[in-house]
Amino acid sequence: MTDTAHTSDITDLFVIGGGINGCGIARDAAGRGLSVALAEKNDLASATSSASTKLFHGGLRYLEYFEFRLVQEALIEREVLLRAMPHISWPMRFVLPFHKDMRFDNTTPTSKLLTTFMPWMKGRRPAWLIRLGLFMYDTLGKRGILPGTSTVDLTTDEAGKPLNSKFKKAFEYSDCWVEDARLVVLNARDAETRGAEILTRTEVVNATRHADHWEIRLKDLATGEETTRRAKMLVNAGGPWVADVLRQKLGQNSRESVRLVRGSHIVVPKLYDHGRCYFFQGQDGRIIFAIPYEEDFTLIGTTDADHPDPETKPVCTEEEQDYLVDFASNYFEKPVSRDQIVWTYSGVRPLYDDGASSASAATREYVLTLDQTQAPLLNVFGGKITTYRKLAEAALAKIGEAFPDLSDNWTAGVPLPGGDFPVEDVAKLRDRLARDYPFLTPYAVRRLLRAYGTEAWDLLSDAKGEADLGQSFGATITARELDWAITREWVRSGEDYLWRRTKLGLRLNEAERAAVDTYIRDRAARLAA
């Protein structure tokens, strides 16, 4: 066992949790000159941050709960993020089919208000109300890139072709797609470039609080070695485990807690040919999305169900699969069936526990609590991927109480690795990549640019042909790319690469996935030796 206990080895900030909030805070803090270390027990983005619906969105349905501040912040933030990462994020149009029989969730504040003043509506969701909500959605946030809402005639527009013929009209609005797990990794990489230390597969065994520092016991899960670190301040960004970390690892008493809400998704072969998403409203008042996914698939989700224990691995249950299939089938002309499902995933959203009556009603606001009774401790409750950068800024404002000479906010407008090009230049870069590496297939060009942006040229380097990229594993995966993922993106297993850094597991068979896993594990072991 190695102990580090010299005063000179004290880190300013130690972050627990390698999800989007932890990595976002680490990046922001490192960029302000703080010395930062971050520990993640598993792989980066291995829990909630890789199991989202992959959207930067304002949260249209949160307007029903009068969460105007949260929605406004998220709407404004969409374009800030879009400009910083145009390779892993892009605008999308959402089609909201309308029918006179649509209903509200009768528990929302909006529904209760309508029931009181317009009881004859009987829970219906009238067109004027939807249009009012979309007008607010367009105007609450500043839009420079994203177009506003329009009305769609489903009898003539291609968006109507895959839908049940009873839908004649729709509203169309803008939000954004994001590769969620890649967002986490790029924040971690940028943090590391700015001096942060990123420790994956490293468990915080416990932390002891002193008057002016924390003593943190760590365990390297690959080697079993234990070490001790010291930090002036601790940030608990444990996501679903934030309350467990607070009480069990840090030994602190607190009334603050999270409500764990499971969101499940299914993936099926492509259900339609156009590139827009659908926003479907159910008879139960809930909504789901149907989204073009990985070019050849459609993503359908999400559910909202309370999840009792963070240690219980979230899975998309048969009941949830049936719910999503039936929900989508109410809209599509050709019903979706269970046997079409090629993949499911499920994540646990750690929502701040505000005592809401249902999982859907629980607030999506984030709450930061700072305890300075001894060495400072910042706990991060809740949050959503769209507002991660604003959450990090809010966290740094609180961290600044312990480090009063911190510099100002800086992350707005600063691109993440590979994102240093204008949003409107994606097509130009794609054409340039194809010209510079003519041996790449059109699919490989699109995929590499979407994953790596301008860093695709660094990855491909001086390659003159496919042979220069080493062993081929199928689905355009090469040894060159896997080596990049191992040395630059903390990849240590096939799962890390195939289901988080990419979603190429969808395109490989079992033997091919095993070959990728074997290569990564062998290569990573040799590098660690």
Protein backbone atom coordinates (compact mmCIF):
# COMPACT_ATOMS: atom_id res chain seq x y z
CA MET A 1 0.00 0.00 0.00
CA THR A 2 1.28 3.42 -0.91
CA ASP A 3 0.47 6.50 1.14
CA THR A 4 0.89 10.05 -0.12
CA ALA A 5 0.80 12.49 2.75
CA HIS A 6 3.10 15.38 1.97
CA THR A 7 1.63 18.88 2.05
CA SER A 8 3.02 19.58 -1.41
CA ASP A 9 0.95 16.70 -2.80
CA ILE A 10 -2.41 18.17 -1.80
CA THR A 11 -4.75 18.57 -4.79
CA ASP A 12 -7.06 21.56 -4.84
CA LEU A 13 -10.12 19.61 -5.97
CA PHE A 14 -10.95 15.91 -5.91
CA VAL A 15 -14.03 14.89 -7.91
CA ILE A 16 -15.88 11.64 -7.30
CA GLY A 17 -17.78 10.45 -10.38
CA GLY A 18 -16.91 10.22 -14.07
CA GLY A 19 -20.29 11.07 -15.54
CA ILE A 20 -21.13 14.29 -17.36
CA ASN A 21 -21.40 16.41 -14.22
CA GLY A 22 -18.13 15.21 -12.72
CA CYS A 23 -16.19 15.56 -15.97
CA GLY A 24 -17.80 18.92 -16.72
CA ILE A 25 -16.81 20.27 -13.31
CA ALA A 26 -13.28 18.85 -13.63
CA ARG A 27 -12.84 20.54 -17.02
CA ASP A 28 -14.14 23.90 -15.84
CA ALA A 29 -12.04 23.83 -12.66
CA ALA A 30 -8.85 22.77 -14.46
CA GLY A 31 -9.38 25.57 -16.96
CA ARG A 32 -9.39 28.06 -14.07
CA GLY A 33 -6.03 26.87 -12.81
CA LEU A 34 -7.07 24.54 -10.00
CA SER A 35 -5.24 21.25 -9.60
CA VAL A 36 -7.89 18.56 -10.14
CA ALA A 37 -8.13 14.80 -9.80
CA LEU A 38 -11.22 12.75 -10.72
CA ALA A 39 -11.95 9.15 -9.78
CA GLU A 40 -14.51 6.93 -11.51
CA LYS A 41 -15.11 3.41 -10.24
CA ASN A 42 -15.95 2.04 -13.68
CA ASP A 43 -15.58 3.44 -17.20
CA LEU A 44 -16.37 7.06 -17.94
CA ALA A 45 -20.09 7.55 -18.64
CA SER A 46 -20.75 3.97 -17.57
CA ALA A 47 -24.09 4.71 -15.93
CA THR A 48 -26.62 7.52 -16.46
CA SER A 49 -24.51 9.58 -18.86
CA SER A 50 -24.47 6.90 -21.56
CA ALA A 51 -28.12 5.90 -21.17
CA SER A 52 -29.94 9.11 -22.07
CA THR A 53 -32.27 9.74 -25.01
CA LYS A 54 -29.25 11.51 -26.62
CA LEU A 55 -30.90 14.91 -26.83
CA PHE A 56 -29.88 18.46 -26.02
CA HIS A 57 -33.37 19.77 -25.45
CA GLY A 58 -35.15 22.41 -23.48
CA GLY A 59 -37.65 19.90 -22.16
CA LEU A 60 -40.92 20.83 -23.84
CA ARG A 61 -43.01 18.80 -21.41
CA TYR A 62 -41.40 20.52 -18.39
CA LEU A 63 -43.44 23.61 -19.33
CA GLU A 64 -46.49 21.71 -18.07
CA TYR A 65 -44.81 21.68 -14.64
CA PHE A 66 -44.07 25.43 -14.85
CA GLU A 67 -40.31 24.78 -14.71
CA PHE A 68 -39.68 27.90 -16.78
CA ARG A 69 -36.22 28.72 -15.43
CA LEU A 70 -34.91 25.24 -16.18
CA VAL A 71 -36.45 25.22 -19.66
CA GLN A 72 -35.11 28.67 -20.48
CA GLU A 73 -31.59 27.78 -19.33
CA ALA A 74 -31.67 24.58 -21.38
CA LEU A 75 -33.02 26.32 -24.48
CA ILE A 76 -30.32 28.98 -24.41
CA GLU A 77 -27.67 26.36 -23.72
CA ARG A 78 -28.54 24.23 -26.78
CA GLU A 79 -26.79 26.55 -29.22
CA VAL A 80 -23.84 27.23 -26.89
CA LEU A 81 -23.20 23.49 -26.82
CA LEU A 82 -23.91 23.02 -30.51
CA ARG A 83 -21.17 25.49 -31.40
CA ALA A 84 -18.68 23.79 -29.06
CA MET A 85 -19.17 20.26 -30.40
CA PRO A 86 -20.65 20.29 -33.93
CA HIS A 87 -19.16 16.84 -34.62
CA ILE A 88 -21.02 14.98 -31.83
CA SER A 89 -24.07 17.27 -31.74
CA TRP A 90 -26.36 18.47 -34.49
CA PRO A 91 -29.78 20.10 -34.99
CA MET A 92 -32.85 17.92 -35.43
CA ARG A 93 -36.46 18.68 -36.25
CA PHE A 94 -39.19 17.10 -34.13
CA VAL A 95 -42.62 16.31 -35.54
CA LEU A 96 -45.46 16.40 -33.00
CA PRO A 97 -48.57 14.81 -34.58
CA PHE A 98 -51.85 16.29 -33.35
CA HIS A 99 -55.22 14.66 -32.85
CA LYS A 100 -58.24 16.06 -31.03
CA ASP A 101 -58.31 13.09 -28.62
CA MET A 102 -54.94 13.89 -27.06
CA ARG A 103 -54.89 14.05 -23.27
CA PHE A 104 -52.79 15.61 -20.52
CA ASP A 105 -51.22 13.84 -17.63
CA ASN A 106 -53.94 14.94 -15.20
CA THR A 107 -51.44 15.46 -12.37
CA THR A 108 -49.50 18.34 -13.98
CA PRO A 109 -50.05 21.91 -12.78
CA THR A 110 -51.21 22.85 -16.29
CA SER A 111 -53.79 20.07 -16.32
CA LYS A 112 -55.10 21.05 -12.88
CA LEU A 113 -55.38 24.67 -13.98
CA LEU A 114 -57.34 23.74 -17.11
CA THR A 115 -59.61 21.41 -15.16
CA THR A 116 -60.41 24.27 -12.78
CA PHE A 117 -61.10 26.96 -15.37
CA MET A 118 -62.11 24.90 -18.44
CA PRO A 119 -63.70 21.71 -17.05
CA TRP A 120 -65.41 20.96 -20.37
CA MET A 121 -61.97 20.13 -21.89
CA LYS A 122 -61.92 16.94 -19.76
CA GLY A 123 -58.16 16.56 -19.97
CA ARG A 124 -57.92 17.08 -23.73
CA ARG A 125 -54.82 18.68 -25.16
CA PRO A 126 -56.16 21.32 -27.60
CA ALA A 127 -54.15 22.55 -30.58
CA TRP A 128 -54.03 26.14 -29.31
CA LEU A 129 -52.44 25.02 -26.05
CA ILE A 130 -49.77 22.99 -27.84
CA ARG A 131 -49.07 25.94 -30.14
CA LEU A 132 -48.82 28.24 -27.12
CA GLY A 133 -46.31 25.90 -25.50
CA LEU A 134 -44.25 25.78 -28.69
CA PHE A 135 -44.40 29.58 -28.98
CA MET A 136 -42.93 29.78 -25.47
CA TYR A 137 -40.37 27.15 -26.45
CA ASP A 138 -39.31 29.29 -29.41
CA THR A 139 -39.12 32.53 -27.46
CA LEU A 140 -37.81 31.58 -24.00
CA GLY A 141 -34.42 30.77 -25.48
CA LYS A 142 -32.30 32.77 -27.90
CA ARG A 143 -32.15 31.08 -31.31
CA GLY A 144 -29.46 31.90 -33.85
CA ILE A 145 -29.04 28.51 -35.53
CA LEU A 146 -32.20 26.55 -34.83
CA PRO A 147 -35.35 27.37 -36.84
CA GLY A 148 -38.63 27.97 -35.05
CA THR A 149 -41.89 26.03 -35.01
CA SER A 150 -43.91 25.38 -38.15
CA THR A 151 -47.13 23.55 -38.98
CA VAL A 152 -46.98 20.37 -41.07
CA ASP A 153 -49.69 18.94 -43.32
CA LEU A 154 -49.26 15.20 -42.77
CA THR A 155 -51.41 14.37 -45.78
CA THR A 156 -48.74 15.75 -48.13
CA ASP A 157 -45.51 15.90 -46.12
CA GLU A 158 -43.27 12.80 -46.07
CA ALA A 159 -43.40 12.88 -42.27
CA GLY A 160 -47.00 11.68 -42.57
CA LYS A 161 -46.24 8.60 -44.66
CA PRO A 162 -45.24 6.21 -41.84
CA LEU A 163 -48.00 7.44 -39.51
CA ASN A 164 -51.54 6.27 -38.97
CA SER A 165 -53.80 8.05 -41.46
CA LYS A 166 -55.91 9.58 -38.69
CA PHE A 167 -53.12 12.10 -38.12
CA LYS A 168 -53.63 14.99 -40.55
CA LYS A 169 -51.71 17.78 -38.84
CA ALA A 170 -48.49 18.16 -36.88
CA PHE A 171 -46.31 20.82 -35.35
CA GLU A 172 -42.59 20.77 -36.07
CA TYR A 173 -39.97 22.33 -33.78
CA SER A 174 -36.20 22.22 -33.20
CA ASP A 175 -33.96 20.54 -30.64
CA CYS A 176 -30.54 18.87 -30.87
CA TRP A 177 -29.00 15.41 -30.89
CA VAL A 178 -25.86 14.63 -28.89
CA GLU A 179 -23.61 11.60 -28.55
CA ASP A 180 -23.88 11.52 -24.76
CA ALA A 181 -21.03 9.17 -23.81
CA ARG A 182 -18.64 10.88 -26.23
CA LEU A 183 -19.57 14.21 -24.66
CA VAL A 184 -18.36 12.89 -21.31
CA VAL A 185 -15.10 11.55 -22.74
CA LEU A 186 -14.35 14.80 -24.59
CA ASN A 187 -14.89 16.79 -21.39
CA ALA A 188 -12.51 14.42 -19.59
CA ARG A 189 -9.93 14.75 -22.36
CA ASP A 190 -10.13 18.53 -22.30
CA ALA A 191 -9.83 18.48 -18.51
CA GLU A 192 -6.73 16.29 -18.79
CA THR A 193 -5.21 18.61 -21.40
CA ARG A 194 -5.67 21.44 -18.91
CA GLY A 195 -3.87 19.51 -16.16
CA ALA A 196 -6.53 17.34 -14.52
CA GLU A 197 -5.78 13.73 -13.59
CA ILE A 198 -8.50 11.31 -14.71
CA LEU A 199 -8.50 7.99 -12.82
CA THR A 200 -10.86 5.37 -14.25
CA ARG A 201 -11.46 1.95 -12.69
CA THR A 202 -10.55 3.63 -9.41
CA GLU A 203 -12.85 3.21 -6.44
CA VAL A 204 -13.08 5.69 -3.59
CA VAL A 205 -12.98 3.34 -0.62
CA ASN A 206 -13.60 6.13 1.87
CA ALA A 207 -12.62 9.70 2.63
CA THR A 208 -11.73 11.20 6.00
CA ARG A 209 -12.50 14.84 6.65
CA HIS A 210 -10.11 17.14 8.46
CA ALA A 211 -10.22 20.85 9.22
CA ASP A 212 -8.32 21.89 6.08
CA HIS A 213 -8.19 18.84 3.82
CA TRP A 214 -9.73 15.50 2.85
CA GLU A 215 -7.80 12.24 3.00
CA ILE A 216 -9.12 9.96 0.26
CA ARG A 217 -8.46 6.23 0.16
CA LEU A 218 -8.46 4.87 -3.41
CA LYS A 219 -8.35 1.36 -4.85
CA ASP A 220 -7.14 0.61 -8.37
CA LEU A 221 -9.61 -2.07 -9.45
CA ALA A 222 -7.26 -3.38 -12.14
CA THR A 223 -4.30 -4.03 -9.80
CA GLY A 224 -5.91 -4.03 -6.36
CA GLU A 225 -3.39 -1.44 -5.17
CA GLU A 226 -4.60 1.08 -2.61
CA THR A 227 -3.31 4.64 -2.34
CA THR A 228 -4.12 7.72 -0.32
CA ARG A 229 -4.67 11.17 -1.80
CA ARG A 230 -5.21 14.50 -0.11
CA ALA A 231 -7.37 17.34 -1.40
CA LYS A 232 -8.41 20.75 -0.13
CA MET A 233 -11.96 20.23 -1.35
CA LEU A 234 -14.14 17.30 -2.38
CA VAL A 235 -16.86 17.26 -5.05
CA ASN A 236 -19.39 14.44 -4.81
CA ALA A 237 -20.78 13.98 -8.34
CA GLY A 238 -21.76 10.36 -7.81
CA GLY A 239 -24.95 10.53 -9.89
CA PRO A 240 -27.30 7.75 -8.74
CA TRP A 241 -24.83 7.01 -5.92
CA VAL A 242 -24.51 10.61 -4.68
CA ALA A 243 -26.44 9.95 -1.46
CA ASP A 244 -24.64 6.64 -0.84
CA VAL A 245 -21.25 8.30 -1.37
CA LEU A 246 -22.22 11.12 0.99
CA ARG A 247 -23.25 8.83 3.83
CA GLN A 248 -21.25 5.63 3.38
CA LYS A 249 -17.98 6.73 1.74
CA LEU A 250 -17.70 10.18 3.30
CA GLY A 251 -19.45 9.49 6.60
CA GLN A 252 -21.59 12.63 6.44
CA ASN A 253 -25.13 13.03 7.76
CA SER A 254 -27.52 14.77 5.38
CA ARG A 255 -31.23 14.97 4.68
CA GLU A 256 -30.57 15.58 0.98
CA SER A 257 -31.34 12.67 -1.31
CA VAL A 258 -32.14 11.75 -4.86
CA ARG A 259 -35.10 10.04 -6.43
CA LEU A 260 -33.92 7.36 -8.82
CA VAL A 261 -36.03 7.21 -11.97
CA ARG A 262 -35.36 4.53 -14.57
CA GLY A 263 -35.62 5.46 -18.22
CA SER A 264 -35.61 2.62 -20.74
CA HIS A 265 -35.24 2.62 -24.53
CA ILE A 266 -35.57 0.14 -27.36
CA VAL A 267 -33.79 0.12 -30.73
CA VAL A 268 -35.43 -1.38 -33.83
CA PRO A 269 -34.50 -1.44 -37.54
CA LYS A 270 -35.22 1.87 -39.27
CA LEU A 271 -38.97 2.56 -39.34
CA TYR A 272 -38.92 5.45 -41.83
CA ASP A 273 -36.59 7.09 -44.34
CA HIS A 274 -36.56 10.79 -43.47
CA GLY A 275 -34.23 12.36 -40.88
CA ARG A 276 -36.76 13.91 -38.51
CA CYS A 277 -37.79 12.73 -35.05
CA TYR A 278 -41.28 12.13 -33.73
CA PHE A 279 -42.66 13.41 -30.44
CA PHE A 280 -45.56 11.13 -29.48
CA GLN A 281 -48.09 11.84 -26.74
CA GLY A 282 -49.86 8.97 -25.02
CA GLN A 283 -53.30 8.51 -23.50
CA ASP A 284 -51.55 8.39 -20.10
CA GLY A 285 -50.24 11.91 -20.69
CA ARG A 286 -46.64 10.77 -21.06
CA ILE A 287 -44.51 11.32 -24.15
CA ILE A 288 -41.96 9.24 -26.04
CA PHE A 289 -39.62 9.97 -28.94
CA ALA A 290 -38.94 7.97 -32.11
CA ILE A 291 -35.54 9.08 -33.40
CA PRO A 292 -33.35 8.15 -36.40
CA TYR A 293 -30.45 6.24 -34.85
CA GLU A 294 -27.04 5.19 -36.18
CA GLU A 295 -28.30 5.58 -39.79
CA ASP A 296 -30.04 2.20 -40.00
CA PHE A 297 -32.11 2.08 -36.81
CA THR A 298 -34.84 3.88 -34.87
CA LEU A 299 -34.53 4.67 -31.17
CA ILE A 300 -37.77 4.66 -29.15
CA GLY A 301 -37.99 5.94 -25.57
CA THR A 302 -38.19 6.71 -22.79
CA THR A 303 -40.11 5.35 -19.82
CA ASP A 304 -40.30 6.84 -16.32
CA ALA A 305 -40.31 4.36 -13.45
CA ASP A 306 -39.04 4.62 -9.90
CA HIS A 307 -35.86 2.59 -9.36
CA PRO A 308 -35.31 1.62 -5.72
CA ASP A 309 -31.57 0.89 -5.50
CA PRO A 310 -28.58 2.27 -7.45
CA GLU A 311 -26.81 -1.07 -7.01
CA THR A 312 -29.55 -2.82 -8.99
CA LYS A 313 -28.52 -2.71 -12.64
CA PRO A 314 -31.24 -0.97 -14.65
CA VAL A 315 -32.66 -3.06 -17.48
CA CYS A 316 -35.49 -2.46 -19.91
CA THR A 317 -38.08 -4.84 -18.54
CA GLU A 318 -40.51 -6.83 -20.68
CA GLU A 319 -43.29 -4.58 -19.39
CA GLU A 320 -41.38 -1.48 -20.51
CA GLN A 321 -40.65 -3.04 -23.90
CA ASP A 322 -44.37 -3.78 -24.33
CA TYR A 323 -45.23 -0.23 -23.23
CA LEU A 324 -42.89 1.38 -25.77
CA VAL A 325 -43.93 -0.96 -28.59
CA ASP A 326 -47.63 -0.37 -27.93
CA PHE A 327 -47.13 3.39 -27.53
CA ALA A 328 -45.31 3.69 -30.87
CA SER A 329 -47.79 1.39 -32.59
CA ASN A 330 -50.59 3.81 -31.77
CA TYR A 331 -48.90 6.27 -34.11
CA PHE A 332 -47.22 4.24 -36.85
CA GLU A 333 -49.34 2.79 -39.66
CA LYS A 334 -47.37 -0.43 -39.47
CA PRO A 335 -47.31 -1.62 -35.85
CA VAL A 336 -43.97 -2.08 -34.09
CA SER A 337 -43.48 -5.57 -32.65
CA ARG A 338 -41.35 -7.00 -29.85
CA ASP A 339 -39.46 -9.28 -32.25
CA GLN A 340 -38.12 -6.20 -34.08
CA ILE A 341 -36.11 -5.08 -31.05
CA VAL A 342 -32.36 -5.45 -31.68
CA TRP A 343 -31.12 -3.75 -28.51
CA THR A 344 -32.41 -2.20 -25.32
CA TYR A 345 -30.75 0.01 -22.77
CA SER A 346 -31.79 1.58 -19.52
CA GLY A 347 -30.37 4.24 -17.24
CA VAL A 348 -31.18 5.70 -13.85
CA ARG A 349 -31.73 9.44 -13.63
CA PRO A 350 -30.73 10.76 -10.19
CA LEU A 351 -33.38 13.45 -9.78
CA TYR A 352 -33.36 15.69 -6.74
CA ASP A 353 -35.99 14.31 -4.35
CA ASP A 354 -38.58 17.06 -4.05
CA GLY A 355 -41.34 14.73 -2.84
CA ALA A 356 -43.19 14.67 -6.17
CA SER A 357 -46.05 12.22 -6.42
CA SER A 358 -44.80 10.49 -9.57
CA ALA A 359 -41.54 9.77 -11.36
CA SER A 360 -42.61 11.92 -14.31
CA ALA A 361 -43.38 14.86 -12.03
CA ALA A 362 -40.06 14.81 -10.14
CA THR A 363 -38.09 17.98 -10.78
CA ARG A 364 -35.29 18.02 -13.36
CA GLU A 365 -33.67 20.98 -11.60
CA TYR A 366 -30.20 20.44 -10.18
CA VAL A 367 -29.33 21.27 -6.58
CA LEU A 368 -25.81 21.98 -5.31
CA THR A 369 -25.09 21.93 -1.58
CA LEU A 370 -21.86 23.29 -0.09
CA ASP A 371 -20.77 22.21 3.40
CA GLN A 372 -17.85 24.14 4.87
CA THR A 373 -18.04 22.99 8.47
CA GLN A 374 -14.54 21.52 7.93
CA ALA A 375 -12.72 20.94 4.63
CA PRO A 376 -15.28 21.96 1.97
CA LEU A 377 -17.63 19.42 0.42
CA LEU A 378 -19.83 20.09 -2.62
CA ASN A 379 -22.63 17.64 -3.40
CA VAL A 380 -24.31 17.54 -6.81
CA PHE A 381 -27.94 16.38 -6.89
CA GLY A 382 -29.90 15.94 -10.10
CA GLY A 383 -29.18 17.72 -13.36
CA LYS A 384 -29.69 16.90 -17.02
CA ILE A 385 -27.24 16.54 -19.85
CA THR A 386 -28.34 19.73 -21.63
CA THR A 387 -27.44 21.91 -18.65
CA TYR A 388 -24.23 20.15 -17.59
CA ARG A 389 -22.03 23.14 -18.54
CA LYS A 390 -24.24 25.58 -16.62
CA LEU A 391 -24.26 23.19 -13.67
CA ALA A 392 -20.44 23.18 -13.79
CA GLU A 393 -20.39 26.99 -13.78
CA ALA A 394 -22.76 27.02 -10.80
CA ALA A 395 -20.53 24.47 -9.05
CA LEU A 396 -17.46 26.62 -9.67
CA ALA A 397 -19.30 29.62 -8.21
CA LYS A 398 -19.68 27.63 -4.99
CA ILE A 399 -16.14 26.23 -5.21
CA GLY A 400 -15.02 29.86 -5.49
CA GLU A 401 -16.13 30.39 -1.89
CA ALA A 402 -13.21 28.17 -0.87
CA PHE A 403 -10.89 29.43 -3.62
CA PRO A 404 -11.69 33.16 -3.78
CA ASP A 405 -9.15 34.03 -6.50
CA LEU A 406 -10.74 31.87 -9.20
CA SER A 407 -10.97 33.33 -12.69
CA ASP A 408 -14.31 33.99 -14.40
CA ASN A 409 -16.50 31.62 -16.42
CA TRP A 410 -14.71 30.54 -19.58
CA THR A 411 -16.29 27.45 -21.16
CA ALA A 412 -18.98 29.12 -23.30
CA GLY A 413 -17.74 29.17 -26.88
CA VAL A 414 -14.64 27.06 -26.22
CA PRO A 415 -14.78 23.92 -28.40
CA LEU A 416 -14.27 20.42 -27.13
CA PRO A 417 -11.57 18.27 -28.81
CA GLY A 418 -12.37 17.90 -32.51
CA GLY A 419 -15.10 20.55 -32.44
CA ASP A 420 -13.06 23.50 -33.69
CA PHE A 421 -15.11 24.20 -36.82
CA PRO A 422 -18.37 26.03 -37.59
CA VAL A 423 -21.68 24.14 -37.29
CA GLU A 424 -22.46 24.88 -40.94
CA ASP A 425 -19.15 23.36 -42.17
CA VAL A 426 -19.91 19.69 -41.42
CA ALA A 427 -20.52 18.90 -45.10
CA LYS A 428 -17.32 20.71 -46.14
CA LEU A 429 -15.27 18.72 -43.64
CA ARG A 430 -16.89 15.48 -44.76
CA ASP A 431 -15.95 16.20 -48.38
CA ARG A 432 -12.40 17.12 -47.36
CA LEU A 433 -11.96 13.93 -45.33
CA ALA A 434 -13.17 11.87 -48.29
CA ARG A 435 -10.69 13.64 -50.59
CA ASP A 436 -7.76 13.27 -48.20
CA TYR A 437 -8.46 9.56 -47.54
CA PRO A 438 -10.11 8.25 -50.74
CA PHE A 439 -9.86 4.63 -49.58
CA LEU A 440 -12.50 5.24 -46.87
CA THR A 441 -16.07 4.19 -47.60
CA PRO A 442 -18.71 6.95 -47.48
CA TYR A 443 -20.05 5.40 -44.27
CA ALA A 444 -16.58 5.42 -42.67
CA VAL A 445 -16.12 9.07 -43.61
CA ARG A 446 -19.44 10.03 -42.02
CA ARG A 447 -18.82 7.94 -38.92
CA LEU A 448 -15.26 9.10 -38.27
CA LEU A 449 -16.17 12.76 -38.72
CA ARG A 450 -19.15 12.46 -36.39
CA ALA A 451 -17.03 10.74 -33.75
CA TYR A 452 -13.77 12.67 -33.97
CA GLY A 453 -14.39 15.90 -35.88
CA THR A 454 -11.14 17.57 -36.89
CA GLU A 455 -9.23 14.95 -34.89
CA ALA A 456 -10.15 12.39 -37.57
CA TRP A 457 -7.09 13.66 -39.44
CA ASP A 458 -4.90 13.04 -36.36
CA LEU A 459 -6.29 9.52 -36.04
CA LEU A 460 -5.83 8.62 -39.71
CA SER A 461 -2.52 10.52 -39.93
CA ASP A 462 -0.35 9.40 -42.86
CA ALA A 463 -2.46 6.38 -43.88
CA LYS A 464 -2.45 5.86 -47.67
CA GLY A 465 -4.72 2.82 -47.73
CA GLU A 466 -6.79 0.49 -45.58
CA ALA A 467 -3.77 -1.69 -44.84
CA ASP A 468 -2.08 1.21 -43.06
CA LEU A 469 -4.86 1.22 -40.46
CA GLY A 470 -4.05 -2.29 -39.30
CA GLN A 471 -6.37 -5.18 -38.55
CA SER A 472 -10.00 -4.77 -39.62
CA PHE A 473 -12.71 -5.87 -37.20
CA GLY A 474 -15.80 -5.17 -39.31
CA ALA A 475 -18.14 -2.15 -39.45
CA THR A 476 -15.14 0.04 -40.49
CA ILE A 477 -13.37 -0.58 -37.14
CA THR A 478 -9.59 -0.80 -37.44
CA ALA A 479 -6.68 -1.40 -35.08
CA ARG A 480 -5.60 2.21 -35.59
CA GLU A 481 -8.89 3.47 -34.17
CA LEU A 482 -8.88 1.00 -31.28
CA ASP A 483 -5.35 2.09 -30.37
CA TRP A 484 -6.55 5.70 -30.34
CA ALA A 485 -9.46 4.76 -28.07
CA ILE A 486 -7.12 2.90 -25.69
CA THR A 487 -4.44 5.59 -25.48
CA ARG A 488 -6.62 8.72 -25.69
CA GLU A 489 -10.08 7.75 -24.41
CA TRP A 490 -9.52 5.39 -21.45
CA VAL A 491 -10.99 2.38 -23.29
CA ARG A 492 -10.19 -0.91 -21.52
CA SER A 493 -12.80 -3.35 -22.84
CA GLY A 494 -14.90 -4.09 -25.87
CA GLU A 495 -17.96 -2.79 -24.04
CA ASP A 496 -16.28 0.59 -23.50
CA TYR A 497 -15.66 1.01 -27.21
CA LEU A 498 -18.62 -0.79 -28.80
CA TRP A 499 -21.40 0.55 -26.57
CA ARG A 500 -20.11 3.86 -25.17
CA ARG A 501 -17.41 5.46 -27.35
CA THR A 502 -19.45 4.19 -30.31
CA LYS A 503 -22.60 2.13 -30.82
CA LEU A 504 -20.89 -0.18 -33.31
CA GLY A 505 -21.90 -3.20 -31.25
CA LEU A 506 -25.15 -2.95 -33.20
CA ARG A 507 -23.30 -3.78 -36.43
CA LEU A 508 -21.14 -6.70 -35.27
CA ASN A 509 -21.94 -10.32 -34.54
CA GLU A 510 -20.94 -12.03 -31.32
CA ALA A 511 -17.62 -13.34 -32.66
CA GLU A 512 -16.67 -9.90 -34.02
CA ARG A 513 -17.51 -8.23 -30.72
CA ALA A 514 -15.38 -10.80 -28.91
CA ALA A 515 -12.45 -10.10 -31.26
CA VAL A 516 -12.66 -6.36 -30.50
CA ASP A 517 -12.75 -7.07 -26.77
CA THR A 518 -9.75 -9.41 -26.95
CA TYR A 519 -7.68 -6.90 -28.93
CA ILE A 520 -8.47 -4.04 -26.53
CA ARG A 521 -7.75 -6.05 -23.38
CA ASP A 522 -4.47 -7.45 -24.74
CA ARG A 523 -3.29 -4.08 -26.05
CA ALA A 524 -4.25 -2.23 -22.86
CA ALA A 525 -2.47 -4.85 -20.73
CA ARG A 526 0.72 -4.48 -22.78
CA LEU A 527 0.61 -0.70 -22.44
CA ALA A 528 0.12 -0.97 -18.67
CA ALA A 529 3.01 -3.41 -18.23
